Every structure is written in structure tokens, then in C-alpha cells.
Amino acid sequence: MSDVDYTLIPVKSKPLRKYRKGSKYDPILDAFILGEANLVQVSIVDKDANYLRIQLNKRIEDRSLGNIKVSVINNVVYLEKS
């Protein structure tokens, strides 16, 4: 058998996972929040509507923006203030 050089270090607990602090979808939500419209249509070039809905919902949940709803109708994404 070959010898392997290694080190074992005792720890009290595993570190918490680090997440990104922002997203490329945050400016969309920020613009909607600051805007006066209660219902807007959102589109991004080369992004599927359902994919965009999932990403926006993740950001809404992470940022605790429960007053914003995302829906997809006929492959078009809509943001709505409730």
C-alpha cells in the first residue's frame, strides 16, 4: 500500500452554507416594486416563461416579498401586486 499524507482536524459543527446575496432577477423585482403599475408583463430574451417564473418566485421567497405574485398565462409571465 502507498502512504497518503493527510490531516484530521476536529470541529464542533459544520459551517452553514453561504448563499449569494443578490440575483440578476432582483432589478426586475425592484423596478416593479418602485413602479406604479399593479400588473406588468415580464419577458427576457431567450428565457422560457416557466423558468423565469421559478427564478422570480425564488427571489420573492428569499426577499420575503409576499405581496407579489408571479403567474404564467399562454407562455407570458406576469407580476402582480396584491
Protein backbone atom coordinates (compact mmCIF):
# COMPACT_ATOMS: atom_id res chain seq x y z
CA MET A 1 0.00 0.00 0.00
CA SER A 2 1.13 3.51 -0.70
CA ASP A 3 1.34 6.08 2.04
CA VAL A 4 -1.05 9.04 1.91
CA ASP A 5 -0.25 12.29 3.64
CA TYR A 6 -3.37 13.59 5.42
CA THR A 7 -4.54 15.64 8.38
CA LEU A 8 -7.67 15.27 10.53
CA ILE A 9 -8.90 18.37 12.34
CA PRO A 10 -11.64 18.09 14.97
CA VAL A 11 -14.53 20.58 14.62
CA LYS A 12 -17.61 21.31 16.73
CA SER A 13 -20.06 21.66 13.81
CA LYS A 14 -20.29 22.07 10.06
CA PRO A 15 -20.40 25.65 8.75
CA LEU A 16 -23.64 26.99 7.34
CA ARG A 17 -23.93 27.11 3.58
CA LYS A 18 -23.28 30.53 2.09
CA TYR A 19 -25.71 31.90 -0.48
CA ARG A 20 -25.35 34.69 -2.96
CA LYS A 21 -26.60 37.99 -1.64
CA GLY A 22 -28.23 39.03 -4.87
CA SER A 23 -29.53 37.85 -8.19
CA LYS A 24 -29.72 39.11 -11.74
CA TYR A 25 -33.51 38.98 -11.30
CA ASP A 26 -33.53 41.44 -8.36
CA PRO A 27 -33.55 44.54 -10.62
CA ILE A 28 -36.78 43.28 -12.22
CA LEU A 29 -38.46 42.98 -8.84
CA ASP A 30 -37.05 46.31 -7.65
CA ALA A 31 -38.35 48.11 -10.73
CA PHE A 32 -41.77 46.52 -10.27
CA ILE A 33 -41.92 47.47 -6.60
CA LEU A 34 -40.97 51.08 -7.33
CA GLY A 35 -43.32 51.32 -10.32
CA GLU A 36 -46.93 52.40 -10.08
CA ALA A 37 -48.47 49.57 -12.12
CA ASN A 38 -50.15 46.75 -10.20
CA LEU A 39 -49.85 44.29 -13.08
CA VAL A 40 -46.97 44.01 -15.56
CA GLN A 41 -45.83 41.61 -18.25
CA VAL A 42 -42.20 40.43 -17.96
CA SER A 43 -40.06 38.98 -20.71
CA ILE A 44 -36.37 38.19 -21.01
CA VAL A 45 -34.76 37.27 -24.30
CA ASP A 46 -34.04 33.53 -24.61
CA LYS A 47 -35.67 32.61 -21.27
CA ASP A 48 -38.65 30.30 -21.05
CA ALA A 49 -41.66 31.73 -19.20
CA ASN A 50 -41.83 28.87 -16.71
CA TYR A 51 -38.10 29.11 -15.98
CA LEU A 52 -38.47 32.85 -15.37
CA ARG A 53 -41.46 32.24 -13.09
CA ILE A 54 -39.44 29.80 -10.98
CA GLN A 55 -36.49 32.18 -10.67
CA LEU A 56 -38.69 35.15 -9.74
CA ASN A 57 -40.59 33.08 -7.18
CA LYS A 58 -37.28 32.03 -5.58
CA ARG A 59 -36.21 35.66 -5.27
CA ILE A 60 -39.63 36.70 -3.91
CA GLU A 61 -39.40 33.99 -1.27
CA ASP A 62 -35.77 34.81 -0.36
CA ARG A 63 -36.59 38.51 -0.04
CA SER A 64 -39.90 37.93 1.81
CA LEU A 65 -41.92 39.84 -0.79
CA GLY A 66 -45.18 38.01 -0.14
CA ASN A 67 -47.26 40.79 -1.68
CA ILE A 68 -46.01 39.95 -5.22
CA LYS A 69 -47.45 37.10 -7.27
CA VAL A 70 -45.94 35.59 -10.41
CA SER A 71 -48.09 33.81 -12.95
CA VAL A 72 -47.68 32.37 -16.44
CA ILE A 73 -50.53 32.54 -18.92
CA ASN A 74 -50.05 31.48 -22.55
CA ASN A 75 -46.26 31.41 -22.07
CA VAL A 76 -46.18 35.02 -20.81
CA VAL A 77 -45.00 35.96 -17.30
CA TYR A 78 -47.00 38.45 -15.24
CA LEU A 79 -46.08 40.15 -11.96
CA GLU A 80 -48.97 41.33 -9.80
CA LYS A 81 -49.08 43.35 -6.58
CA SER A 82 -51.68 42.09 -4.15
